[in-house]
Amino acid sequence: MWGLLQLPGSLVFGRARNRPPGASYAEGTADDAAIHQHITALVDEEHQLRRRLTAGEISRDEEHARLATIEVELDQAWDLLRQRDAKRQYADNPETARERSPGIVEGYLG
C-alpha cells in the first residue's frame, strides 16, 4: 500500500492516482512550484520502486502497475506546466490552465 505525501499548500497526493478523489490541479491550488514538487516526488517514487524491486520488497507486476500510473501523472503535470507557460507567453492568466484527463494527455501524437 502506498503512503501519503503531503506537499505544501492544499495538494495532497497518495495512493491510486496519487491524489484523493476530487483533488486536482484544476482547483487552483497548484502553482508552478507545487507542480514541480509533485514531479520531483513522482520521480523519487520511481527510484524508490526500483530500489524496492531490487531488494525483493515488491513484485515486478507491482512495480510496473505503479510505474504506469506515475507515467500518466508525470505527463499530466508536464502538460499543465506547458499550458501555464503558454498562457503567460500570450498574456493570459496561467491560473486558468486545467489538468487534462489521462485520455487526452496520453493521446498526444507529437
PDB file of N, CA and C in Angstrom:
ATOM      1  N   MET A   1       0.852  -1.180   0.000  1.00  0.00           N
ATOM      2  CA  MET A   1       0.000   0.000   0.000  1.00  0.00           C
ATOM      3  C   MET A   1       0.892   1.235   0.000  1.00  0.00           C
ATOM      4  N   TRP A   2       0.536   2.213  -0.772  1.00  0.00           N
ATOM      5  CA  TRP A   2       1.322   3.435  -0.888  1.00  0.00           C
ATOM      6  C   TRP A   2       0.942   4.390   0.220  1.00  0.00           C
ATOM      7  N   GLY A   3       1.924   5.076   0.731  1.00  0.00           N
ATOM      8  CA  GLY A   3       1.673   6.078   1.756  1.00  0.00           C
ATOM      9  C   GLY A   3       1.225   7.382   1.145  1.00  0.00           C
ATOM     10  N   LEU A   4       0.930   8.327   1.988  1.00  0.00           N
ATOM     11  CA  LEU A   4       0.541   9.645   1.516  1.00  0.00           C
ATOM     12  C   LEU A   4       1.737  10.572   1.558  1.00  0.00           C
ATOM     13  N   LEU A   5       1.752  11.494   0.649  1.00  0.00           N
ATOM     14  CA  LEU A   5       2.786  12.509   0.588  1.00  0.00           C
ATOM     15  C   LEU A   5       2.092  13.848   0.637  1.00  0.00           C
ATOM     16  N   GLN A   6       2.381  14.637   1.624  1.00  0.00           N
ATOM     17  CA  GLN A   6       1.780  15.964   1.763  1.00  0.00           C
ATOM     18  C   GLN A   6       2.748  16.996   1.213  1.00  0.00           C
ATOM     19  N   LEU A   7       2.314  17.711   0.213  1.00  0.00           N
ATOM     20  CA  LEU A   7       3.122  18.779  -0.344  1.00  0.00           C
ATOM     21  C   LEU A   7       2.611  20.107   0.181  1.00  0.00           C
ATOM     22  N   PRO A   8       3.409  21.158   0.074  1.00  0.00           N
ATOM     23  CA  PRO A   8       2.974  22.468   0.564  1.00  0.00           C
ATOM     24  C   PRO A   8       1.641  22.890  -0.056  1.00  0.00           C
ATOM     25  N   GLY A   9       0.918  23.673   0.661  1.00  0.00           N
ATOM     26  CA  GLY A   9      -0.383  24.112   0.179  1.00  0.00           C
ATOM     27  C   GLY A   9      -1.419  23.043   0.455  1.00  0.00           C
ATOM     28  N   SER A  10      -2.468  23.018  -0.337  1.00  0.00           N
ATOM     29  CA  SER A  10      -3.540  22.066  -0.073  1.00  0.00           C
ATOM     30  C   SER A  10      -3.494  20.860  -0.992  1.00  0.00           C
ATOM     31  N   LEU A  11      -2.415  20.682  -1.737  1.00  0.00           N
ATOM     32  CA  LEU A  11      -2.303  19.494  -2.580  1.00  0.00           C
ATOM     33  C   LEU A  11      -1.891  18.305  -1.734  1.00  0.00           C
ATOM     34  N   VAL A  12      -2.649  17.257  -1.789  1.00  0.00           N
ATOM     35  CA  VAL A  12      -2.307  16.021  -1.095  1.00  0.00           C
ATOM     36  C   VAL A  12      -2.263  14.925  -2.132  1.00  0.00           C
ATOM     37  N   PHE A  13      -1.152  14.189  -2.143  1.00  0.00           N
ATOM     38  CA  PHE A  13      -1.011  13.112  -3.102  1.00  0.00           C
ATOM     39  C   PHE A  13      -0.877  11.823  -2.337  1.00  0.00           C
ATOM     40  N   GLY A  14      -1.446  10.766  -2.827  1.00  0.00           N
ATOM     41  CA  GLY A  14      -1.381   9.487  -2.141  1.00  0.00           C
ATOM     42  C   GLY A  14      -1.537   8.323  -3.087  1.00  0.00           C
ATOM     43  N   ARG A  15      -2.289   7.324  -2.701  1.00  0.00           N
ATOM     44  CA  ARG A  15      -2.426   6.089  -3.442  1.00  0.00           C
ATOM     45  C   ARG A  15      -3.278   6.280  -4.702  1.00  0.00           C
ATOM     46  N   ALA A  16      -3.359   5.262  -5.516  1.00  0.00           N
ATOM     47  CA  ALA A  16      -4.151   5.216  -6.750  1.00  0.00           C
ATOM     48  C   ALA A  16      -3.624   6.242  -7.738  1.00  0.00           C
ATOM     49  N   ARG A  17      -4.371   7.316  -8.003  1.00  0.00           N
ATOM     50  CA  ARG A  17      -3.917   8.313  -8.958  1.00  0.00           C
ATOM     51  C   ARG A  17      -3.011   9.330  -8.283  1.00  0.00           C
ATOM     52  N   ASN A  18      -2.560   8.995  -7.123  1.00  0.00           N
ATOM     53  CA  ASN A  18      -1.653   9.840  -6.355  1.00  0.00           C
ATOM     54  C   ASN A  18      -2.323  11.116  -5.860  1.00  0.00           C
ATOM     55  N   ARG A  19      -3.627  11.187  -6.002  1.00  0.00           N
ATOM     56  CA  ARG A  19      -4.413  12.274  -5.431  1.00  0.00           C
ATOM     57  C   ARG A  19      -5.744  11.668  -5.002  1.00  0.00           C
ATOM     58  N   PRO A  20      -6.289  12.123  -3.892  1.00  0.00           N
ATOM     59  CA  PRO A  20      -7.586  11.602  -3.478  1.00  0.00           C
ATOM     60  C   PRO A  20      -8.668  12.051  -4.452  1.00  0.00           C
ATOM     61  N   PRO A  21      -9.800  11.336  -4.503  1.00  0.00           N
ATOM     62  CA  PRO A  21     -10.886  11.727  -5.413  1.00  0.00           C
ATOM     63  C   PRO A  21     -11.277  13.183  -5.196  1.00  0.00           C
ATOM     64  N   GLY A  22     -11.463  13.892  -6.284  1.00  0.00           N
ATOM     65  CA  GLY A  22     -11.887  15.279  -6.207  1.00  0.00           C
ATOM     66  C   GLY A  22     -10.755  16.279  -6.136  1.00  0.00           C
ATOM     67  N   ALA A  23      -9.571  15.849  -5.747  1.00  0.00           N
ATOM     68  CA  ALA A  23      -8.442  16.778  -5.678  1.00  0.00           C
ATOM     69  C   ALA A  23      -7.771  16.829  -7.039  1.00  0.00           C
ATOM     70  N   SER A  24      -7.536  18.015  -7.526  1.00  0.00           N
ATOM     71  CA  SER A  24      -6.832  18.152  -8.794  1.00  0.00           C
ATOM     72  C   SER A  24      -6.179  19.515  -8.858  1.00  0.00           C
ATOM     73  N   TYR A  25      -5.298  19.643  -9.801  1.00  0.00           N
ATOM     74  CA  TYR A  25      -4.671  20.934 -10.019  1.00  0.00           C
ATOM     75  C   TYR A  25      -5.714  21.961 -10.443  1.00  0.00           C
ATOM     76  N   ALA A  26      -6.779  21.513 -11.061  1.00  0.00           N
ATOM     77  CA  ALA A  26      -7.791  22.414 -11.605  1.00  0.00           C
ATOM     78  C   ALA A  26      -8.481  23.234 -10.517  1.00  0.00           C
ATOM     79  N   GLU A  27      -8.344  22.837  -9.265  1.00  0.00           N
ATOM     80  CA  GLU A  27      -8.987  23.580  -8.182  1.00  0.00           C
ATOM     81  C   GLU A  27      -8.279  24.893  -7.891  1.00  0.00           C
ATOM     82  N   GLY A  28      -7.186  25.161  -8.615  1.00  0.00           N
ATOM     83  CA  GLY A  28      -6.486  26.414  -8.426  1.00  0.00           C
ATOM     84  C   GLY A  28      -5.560  26.398  -7.227  1.00  0.00           C
ATOM     85  N   THR A  29      -5.270  25.202  -6.685  1.00  0.00           N
ATOM     86  CA  THR A  29      -4.422  25.117  -5.503  1.00  0.00           C
ATOM     87  C   THR A  29      -2.959  24.917  -5.863  1.00  0.00           C
ATOM     88  N   ALA A  30      -2.664  24.726  -7.136  1.00  0.00           N
ATOM     89  CA  ALA A  30      -1.291  24.427  -7.535  1.00  0.00           C
ATOM     90  C   ALA A  30      -0.690  25.590  -8.300  1.00  0.00           C
ATOM     91  N   ASP A  31       0.501  25.975  -7.900  1.00  0.00           N
ATOM     92  CA  ASP A  31       1.262  26.918  -8.696  1.00  0.00           C
ATOM     93  C   ASP A  31       2.404  26.128  -9.332  1.00  0.00           C
ATOM     94  N   ASP A  32       3.222  26.800 -10.112  1.00  0.00           N
ATOM     95  CA  ASP A  32       4.309  26.101 -10.802  1.00  0.00           C
ATOM     96  C   ASP A  32       5.219  25.364  -9.820  1.00  0.00           C
ATOM     97  N   ALA A  33       5.530  25.996  -8.698  1.00  0.00           N
ATOM     98  CA  ALA A  33       6.428  25.361  -7.725  1.00  0.00           C
ATOM     99  C   ALA A  33       5.816  24.078  -7.177  1.00  0.00           C
ATOM    100  N   ALA A  34       4.527  24.083  -6.866  1.00  0.00           N
ATOM    101  CA  ALA A  34       3.866  22.884  -6.348  1.00  0.00           C
ATOM    102  C   ALA A  34       3.838  21.781  -7.400  1.00  0.00           C
ATOM    103  N   ILE A  35       3.628  22.155  -8.649  1.00  0.00           N
ATOM    104  CA  ILE A  35       3.617  21.160  -9.728  1.00  0.00           C
ATOM    105  C   ILE A  35       5.016  20.563  -9.878  1.00  0.00           C
ATOM    106  N   HIS A  36       6.036  21.403  -9.830  1.00  0.00           N
ATOM    107  CA  HIS A  36       7.410  20.904  -9.903  1.00  0.00           C
ATOM    108  C   HIS A  36       7.728  19.987  -8.717  1.00  0.00           C
ATOM    109  N   GLN A  37       7.244  20.339  -7.541  1.00  0.00           N
ATOM    110  CA  GLN A  37       7.459  19.483  -6.368  1.00  0.00           C
ATOM    111  C   GLN A  37       6.784  18.130  -6.558  1.00  0.00           C
ATOM    112  N   HIS A  38       5.601  18.143  -7.144  1.00  0.00           N
ATOM    113  CA  HIS A  38       4.887  16.889  -7.406  1.00  0.00           C
ATOM    114  C   HIS A  38       5.678  16.038  -8.405  1.00  0.00           C
ATOM    115  N   ILE A  39       6.201  16.670  -9.431  1.00  0.00           N
ATOM    116  CA  ILE A  39       7.018  15.953 -10.409  1.00  0.00           C
ATOM    117  C   ILE A  39       8.236  15.328  -9.724  1.00  0.00           C
ATOM    118  N   THR A  40       8.900  16.093  -8.882  1.00  0.00           N
ATOM    119  CA  THR A  40      10.064  15.581  -8.155  1.00  0.00           C
ATOM    120  C   THR A  40       9.672  14.395  -7.274  1.00  0.00           C
ATOM    121  N   ALA A  41       8.531  14.500  -6.593  1.00  0.00           N
ATOM    122  CA  ALA A  41       8.070  13.407  -5.731  1.00  0.00           C
ATOM    123  C   ALA A  41       7.787  12.150  -6.551  1.00  0.00           C
ATOM    124  N   LEU A  42       7.207  12.321  -7.735  1.00  0.00           N
ATOM    125  CA  LEU A  42       6.928  11.163  -8.589  1.00  0.00           C
ATOM    126  C   LEU A  42       8.217  10.508  -9.077  1.00  0.00           C
ATOM    127  N   VAL A  43       9.186  11.304  -9.458  1.00  0.00           N
ATOM    128  CA  VAL A  43      10.479  10.768  -9.897  1.00  0.00           C
ATOM    129  C   VAL A  43      11.157  10.050  -8.733  1.00  0.00           C
ATOM    130  N   ASP A  44      11.083  10.636  -7.551  1.00  0.00           N
ATOM    131  CA  ASP A  44      11.641   9.977  -6.371  1.00  0.00           C
ATOM    132  C   ASP A  44      10.943   8.636  -6.118  1.00  0.00           C
ATOM    133  N   GLU A  45       9.627   8.622  -6.306  1.00  0.00           N
ATOM    134  CA  GLU A  45       8.882   7.371  -6.117  1.00  0.00           C
ATOM    135  C   GLU A  45       9.303   6.323  -7.152  1.00  0.00           C
ATOM    136  N   GLU A  46       9.551   6.750  -8.389  1.00  0.00           N
ATOM    137  CA  GLU A  46      10.065   5.816  -9.402  1.00  0.00           C
ATOM    138  C   GLU A  46      11.353   5.157  -8.916  1.00  0.00           C
ATOM    139  N   HIS A  47      12.265   5.960  -8.409  1.00  0.00           N
ATOM    140  CA  HIS A  47      13.538   5.436  -7.914  1.00  0.00           C
ATOM    141  C   HIS A  47      13.319   4.494  -6.734  1.00  0.00           C
ATOM    142  N   GLN A  48      12.408   4.861  -5.854  1.00  0.00           N
ATOM    143  CA  GLN A  48      12.091   4.026  -4.684  1.00  0.00           C
ATOM    144  C   GLN A  48      11.507   2.684  -5.126  1.00  0.00           C
ATOM    145  N   LEU A  49      10.639   2.704  -6.124  1.00  0.00           N
ATOM    146  CA  LEU A  49      10.062   1.456  -6.631  1.00  0.00           C
ATOM    147  C   LEU A  49      11.149   0.530  -7.178  1.00  0.00           C
ATOM    148  N   ARG A  50      12.066   1.103  -7.916  1.00  0.00           N
ATOM    149  CA  ARG A  50      13.150   0.290  -8.477  1.00  0.00           C
ATOM    150  C   ARG A  50      14.027  -0.287  -7.367  1.00  0.00           C
ATOM    151  N   ARG A  51      14.280   0.506  -6.333  1.00  0.00           N
ATOM    152  CA  ARG A  51      15.057   0.024  -5.200  1.00  0.00           C
ATOM    153  C   ARG A  51      14.328  -1.107  -4.491  1.00  0.00           C
ATOM    154  N   ARG A  52      13.012  -0.933  -4.289  1.00  0.00           N
ATOM    155  CA  ARG A  52      12.220  -1.957  -3.604  1.00  0.00           C
ATOM    156  C   ARG A  52      12.139  -3.236  -4.427  1.00  0.00           C
ATOM    157  N   LEU A  53      12.065  -3.104  -5.747  1.00  0.00           N
ATOM    158  CA  LEU A  53      12.059  -4.291  -6.600  1.00  0.00           C
ATOM    159  C   LEU A  53      13.379  -5.043  -6.473  1.00  0.00           C
ATOM    160  N   THR A  54      14.479  -4.300  -6.540  1.00  0.00           N
ATOM    161  CA  THR A  54      15.810  -4.906  -6.420  1.00  0.00           C
ATOM    162  C   THR A  54      15.982  -5.586  -5.066  1.00  0.00           C
ATOM    163  N   ALA A  55      15.407  -5.004  -4.028  1.00  0.00           N
ATOM    164  CA  ALA A  55      15.513  -5.569  -2.684  1.00  0.00           C
ATOM    165  C   ALA A  55      14.523  -6.718  -2.454  1.00  0.00           C
ATOM    166  N   GLY A  56      13.665  -6.980  -3.445  1.00  0.00           N
ATOM    167  CA  GLY A  56      12.696  -8.061  -3.308  1.00  0.00           C
ATOM    168  C   GLY A  56      11.493  -7.720  -2.458  1.00  0.00           C
ATOM    169  N   GLU A  57      11.266  -6.431  -2.207  1.00  0.00           N
ATOM    170  CA  GLU A  57      10.149  -5.995  -1.364  1.00  0.00           C
ATOM    171  C   GLU A  57       8.830  -5.947  -2.121  1.00  0.00           C
ATOM    172  N   ILE A  58       8.889  -5.805  -3.432  1.00  0.00           N
ATOM    173  CA  ILE A  58       7.690  -5.793  -4.264  1.00  0.00           C
ATOM    174  C   ILE A  58       7.947  -6.662  -5.494  1.00  0.00           C
ATOM    175  N   SER A  59       6.868  -7.066  -6.144  1.00  0.00           N
ATOM    176  CA  SER A  59       7.000  -7.880  -7.354  1.00  0.00           C
ATOM    177  C   SER A  59       7.171  -6.974  -8.572  1.00  0.00           C
ATOM    178  N   ARG A  60       7.624  -7.550  -9.650  1.00  0.00           N
ATOM    179  CA  ARG A  60       7.756  -6.816 -10.907  1.00  0.00           C
ATOM    180  C   ARG A  60       6.393  -6.298 -11.359  1.00  0.00           C
ATOM    181  N   ASP A  61       5.333  -7.086 -11.172  1.00  0.00           N
ATOM    182  CA  ASP A  61       3.990  -6.645 -11.543  1.00  0.00           C
ATOM    183  C   ASP A  61       3.553  -5.424 -10.741  1.00  0.00           C
ATOM    184  N   GLU A  62       3.853  -5.435  -9.434  1.00  0.00           N
ATOM    185  CA  GLU A  62       3.513  -4.274  -8.605  1.00  0.00           C
ATOM    186  C   GLU A  62       4.279  -3.039  -9.073  1.00  0.00           C
ATOM    187  N   GLU A  63       5.557  -3.226  -9.375  1.00  0.00           N
ATOM    188  CA  GLU A  63       6.368  -2.112  -9.849  1.00  0.00           C
ATOM    189  C   GLU A  63       5.811  -1.569 -11.156  1.00  0.00           C
ATOM    190  N   HIS A  64       5.521  -2.448 -12.099  1.00  0.00           N
ATOM    191  CA  HIS A  64       5.031  -2.000 -13.409  1.00  0.00           C
ATOM    192  C   HIS A  64       3.681  -1.294 -13.308  1.00  0.00           C
ATOM    193  N   ALA A  65       2.805  -1.806 -12.458  1.00  0.00           N
ATOM    194  CA  ALA A  65       1.487  -1.181 -12.301  1.00  0.00           C
ATOM    195  C   ALA A  65       1.622   0.244 -11.776  1.00  0.00           C
ATOM    196  N   ARG A  66       2.426   0.427 -10.760  1.00  0.00           N
ATOM    197  CA  ARG A  66       2.581   1.768 -10.192  1.00  0.00           C
ATOM    198  C   ARG A  66       3.341   2.680 -11.138  1.00  0.00           C
ATOM    199  N   LEU A  67       4.372   2.135 -11.822  1.00  0.00           N
ATOM    200  CA  LEU A  67       5.117   2.955 -12.782  1.00  0.00           C
ATOM    201  C   LEU A  67       4.218   3.465 -13.903  1.00  0.00           C
ATOM    202  N   ALA A  68       3.275   2.634 -14.334  1.00  0.00           N
ATOM    203  CA  ALA A  68       2.340   3.069 -15.386  1.00  0.00           C
ATOM    204  C   ALA A  68       1.511   4.253 -14.909  1.00  0.00           C
ATOM    205  N   THR A  69       1.061   4.215 -13.659  1.00  0.00           N
ATOM    206  CA  THR A  69       0.284   5.320 -13.092  1.00  0.00           C
ATOM    207  C   THR A  69       1.142   6.565 -12.954  1.00  0.00           C
ATOM    208  N   ILE A  70       2.367   6.375 -12.477  1.00  0.00           N
ATOM    209  CA  ILE A  70       3.280   7.504 -12.319  1.00  0.00           C
ATOM    210  C   ILE A  70       3.543   8.175 -13.662  1.00  0.00           C
ATOM    211  N   GLU A  71       3.732   7.377 -14.700  1.00  0.00           N
ATOM    212  CA  GLU A  71       3.997   7.928 -16.033  1.00  0.00           C
ATOM    213  C   GLU A  71       2.859   8.845 -16.487  1.00  0.00           C
ATOM    214  N   VAL A  72       1.632   8.419 -16.273  1.00  0.00           N
ATOM    215  CA  VAL A  72       0.471   9.234 -16.655  1.00  0.00           C
ATOM    216  C   VAL A  72       0.443  10.521 -15.837  1.00  0.00           C
ATOM    217  N   GLU A  73       0.677  10.412 -14.532  1.00  0.00           N
ATOM    218  CA  GLU A  73       0.674  11.598 -13.681  1.00  0.00           C
ATOM    219  C   GLU A  73       1.770  12.583 -14.083  1.00  0.00           C
ATOM    220  N   LEU A  74       2.933  12.062 -14.429  1.00  0.00           N
ATOM    221  CA  LEU A  74       4.015  12.940 -14.900  1.00  0.00           C
ATOM    222  C   LEU A  74       3.612  13.644 -16.183  1.00  0.00           C
ATOM    223  N   ASP A  75       3.020  12.911 -17.108  1.00  0.00           N
ATOM    224  CA  ASP A  75       2.574  13.528 -18.362  1.00  0.00           C
ATOM    225  C   ASP A  75       1.553  14.622 -18.102  1.00  0.00           C
ATOM    226  N   GLN A  76       0.634  14.378 -17.176  1.00  0.00           N
ATOM    227  CA  GLN A  76      -0.372  15.391 -16.847  1.00  0.00           C
ATOM    228  C   GLN A  76       0.278  16.624 -16.217  1.00  0.00           C
ATOM    229  N   ALA A  77       1.224  16.411 -15.323  1.00  0.00           N
ATOM    230  CA  ALA A  77       1.872  17.544 -14.661  1.00  0.00           C
ATOM    231  C   ALA A  77       2.672  18.380 -15.662  1.00  0.00           C
ATOM    232  N   TRP A  78       3.450  17.709 -16.519  1.00  0.00           N
ATOM    233  CA  TRP A  78       4.219  18.447 -17.528  1.00  0.00           C
ATOM    234  C   TRP A  78       3.296  19.180 -18.499  1.00  0.00           C
ATOM    235  N   ASP A  79       2.181  18.554 -18.858  1.00  0.00           N
ATOM    236  CA  ASP A  79       1.207  19.201 -19.742  1.00  0.00           C
ATOM    237  C   ASP A  79       0.653  20.460 -19.083  1.00  0.00           C
ATOM    238  N   LEU A  80       0.336  20.381 -17.809  1.00  0.00           N
ATOM    239  CA  LEU A  80      -0.196  21.541 -17.098  1.00  0.00           C
ATOM    240  C   LEU A  80       0.833  22.667 -17.058  1.00  0.00           C
ATOM    241  N   LEU A  81       2.083  22.330 -16.799  1.00  0.00           N
ATOM    242  CA  LEU A  81       3.126  23.370 -16.812  1.00  0.00           C
ATOM    243  C   LEU A  81       3.250  24.008 -18.190  1.00  0.00           C
ATOM    244  N   ARG A  82       3.186  23.200 -19.244  1.00  0.00           N
ATOM    245  CA  ARG A  82       3.262  23.762 -20.606  1.00  0.00           C
ATOM    246  C   ARG A  82       2.080  24.681 -20.887  1.00  0.00           C
ATOM    247  N   GLN A  83       0.895  24.285 -20.434  1.00  0.00           N
ATOM    248  CA  GLN A  83      -0.280  25.157 -20.607  1.00  0.00           C
ATOM    249  C   GLN A  83      -0.068  26.486 -19.891  1.00  0.00           C
ATOM    250  N   ARG A  84       0.406  26.419 -18.659  1.00  0.00           N
ATOM    251  CA  ARG A  84       0.624  27.642 -17.874  1.00  0.00           C
ATOM    252  C   ARG A  84       1.653  28.548 -18.557  1.00  0.00           C
ATOM    253  N   ASP A  85       2.739  27.950 -19.056  1.00  0.00           N
ATOM    254  CA  ASP A  85       3.761  28.730 -19.766  1.00  0.00           C
ATOM    255  C   ASP A  85       3.184  29.385 -21.023  1.00  0.00           C
ATOM    256  N   ALA A  86       2.393  28.638 -21.772  1.00  0.00           N
ATOM    257  CA  ALA A  86       1.792  29.177 -22.998  1.00  0.00           C
ATOM    258  C   ALA A  86       0.850  30.339 -22.668  1.00  0.00           C
ATOM    259  N   LYS A  87       0.077  30.198 -21.618  1.00  0.00           N
ATOM    260  CA  LYS A  87      -0.830  31.283 -21.243  1.00  0.00           C
ATOM    261  C   LYS A  87      -0.051  32.541 -20.850  1.00  0.00           C
ATOM    262  N   ARG A  88       1.041  32.373 -20.108  1.00  0.00           N
ATOM    263  CA  ARG A  88       1.873  33.526 -19.764  1.00  0.00           C
ATOM    264  C   ARG A  88       2.443  34.172 -21.029  1.00  0.00           C
ATOM    265  N   GLN A  89       2.925  33.342 -21.953  1.00  0.00           N
ATOM    266  CA  GLN A  89       3.546  33.841 -23.176  1.00  0.00           C
ATOM    267  C   GLN A  89       2.573  34.698 -23.980  1.00  0.00           C
ATOM    268  N   TYR A  90       1.289  34.342 -23.939  1.00  0.00           N
ATOM    269  CA  TYR A  90       0.298  35.080 -24.713  1.00  0.00           C
ATOM    270  C   TYR A  90      -0.571  35.975 -23.836  1.00  0.00           C
ATOM    271  N   ALA A  91       0.012  36.427 -22.713  1.00  0.00           N
ATOM    272  CA  ALA A  91      -0.623  37.395 -21.806  1.00  0.00           C
ATOM    273  C   ALA A  91      -1.982  36.926 -21.297  1.00  0.00           C
ATOM    274  N   ASP A  92      -2.111  35.633 -21.078  1.00  0.00           N
ATOM    275  CA  ASP A  92      -3.325  35.069 -20.496  1.00  0.00           C
ATOM    276  C   ASP A  92      -3.007  34.670 -19.055  1.00  0.00           C
ATOM    277  N   ASN A  93      -4.012  34.415 -18.278  1.00  0.00           N
ATOM    278  CA  ASN A  93      -3.847  34.056 -16.877  1.00  0.00           C
ATOM    279  C   ASN A  93      -3.490  32.577 -16.740  1.00  0.00           C
ATOM    280  N   PRO A  94      -2.308  32.244 -16.223  1.00  0.00           N
ATOM    281  CA  PRO A  94      -1.927  30.830 -16.081  1.00  0.00           C
ATOM    282  C   PRO A  94      -2.820  30.069 -15.102  1.00  0.00           C
ATOM    283  N   GLU A  95      -3.514  30.794 -14.228  1.00  0.00           N
ATOM    284  CA  GLU A  95      -4.404  30.136 -13.267  1.00  0.00           C
ATOM    285  C   GLU A  95      -5.613  29.505 -13.947  1.00  0.00           C
ATOM    286  N   THR A  96      -5.861  29.859 -15.206  1.00  0.00           N
ATOM    287  CA  THR A  96      -6.991  29.262 -15.918  1.00  0.00           C
ATOM    288  C   THR A  96      -6.612  27.943 -16.591  1.00  0.00           C
ATOM    289  N   ALA A  97      -5.345  27.569 -16.537  1.00  0.00           N
ATOM    290  CA  ALA A  97      -4.917  26.275 -17.085  1.00  0.00           C
ATOM    291  C   ALA A  97      -5.533  25.167 -16.240  1.00  0.00           C
ATOM    292  N   ARG A  98      -5.914  24.085 -16.879  1.00  0.00           N
ATOM    293  CA  ARG A  98      -6.560  22.974 -16.191  1.00  0.00           C
ATOM    294  C   ARG A  98      -5.871  21.663 -16.520  1.00  0.00           C
ATOM    295  N   GLU A  99      -5.798  20.805 -15.518  1.00  0.00           N
ATOM    296  CA  GLU A  99      -5.261  19.470 -15.730  1.00  0.00           C
ATOM    297  C   GLU A  99      -6.163  18.743 -16.725  1.00  0.00           C
ATOM    298  N   ARG A 100      -5.545  18.135 -17.727  1.00  0.00           N
ATOM    299  CA  ARG A 100      -6.312  17.389 -18.716  1.00  0.00           C
ATOM    300  C   ARG A 100      -6.369  15.921 -18.317  1.00  0.00           C
ATOM    301  N   SER A 101      -7.387  15.256 -18.800  1.00  0.00           N
ATOM    302  CA  SER A 101      -7.597  13.834 -18.463  1.00  0.00           C
ATOM    303  C   SER A 101      -6.475  12.971 -19.032  1.00  0.00           C
ATOM    304  N   PRO A 102      -6.263  11.808 -18.418  1.00  0.00           N
ATOM    305  CA  PRO A 102      -5.242  10.892 -18.950  1.00  0.00           C
ATOM    306  C   PRO A 102      -5.492  10.542 -20.416  1.00  0.00           C
ATOM    307  N   GLY A 103      -6.746  10.379 -20.808  1.00  0.00           N
ATOM    308  CA  GLY A 103      -7.053  10.040 -22.197  1.00  0.00           C
ATOM    309  C   GLY A 103      -6.571  11.089 -23.180  1.00  0.00           C
ATOM    310  N   ILE A 104      -6.701  12.347 -22.805  1.00  0.00           N
ATOM    311  CA  ILE A 104      -6.256  13.421 -23.679  1.00  0.00           C
ATOM    312  C   ILE A 104      -4.736  13.509 -23.678  1.00  0.00           C
ATOM    313  N   VAL A 105      -4.148  13.530 -22.502  1.00  0.00           N
ATOM    314  CA  VAL A 105      -2.693  13.695 -22.391  1.00  0.00           C
ATOM    315  C   VAL A 105      -1.959  12.507 -23.012  1.00  0.00           C
ATOM    316  N   GLU A 106      -2.447  11.319 -22.791  1.00  0.00           N
ATOM    317  CA  GLU A 106      -1.771  10.130 -23.321  1.00  0.00           C
ATOM    318  C   GLU A 106      -2.076   9.917 -24.802  1.00  0.00           C
ATOM    319  N   GLY A 107      -3.035  10.665 -25.339  1.00  0.00           N
ATOM    320  CA  GLY A 107      -3.390  10.529 -26.749  1.00  0.00           C
ATOM    321  C   GLY A 107      -2.603  11.419 -27.693  1.00  0.00           C
ATOM    322  N   TYR A 108      -1.715  12.275 -27.140  1.00  0.00           N
ATOM    323  CA  TYR A 108      -0.930  13.165 -27.977  1.00  0.00           C
ATOM    324  C   TYR A 108      -0.041  12.354 -28.917  1.00  0.00           C
ATOM    325  N   LEU A 109       0.057  12.806 -30.135  1.00  0.00           N
ATOM    326  CA  LEU A 109       0.863  12.104 -31.129  1.00  0.00           C
ATOM    327  C   LEU A 109       2.187  12.757 -31.368  1.00  0.00           C
ATOM    328  N   GLY A 110       2.379  13.963 -30.958  1.00  0.00           N
ATOM    329  CA  GLY A 110       3.665  14.568 -31.220  1.00  0.00           C
ATOM    330  C   GLY A 110       3.696  15.920 -30.723  1.00  0.00           C
TER     331      GLY A 110
END
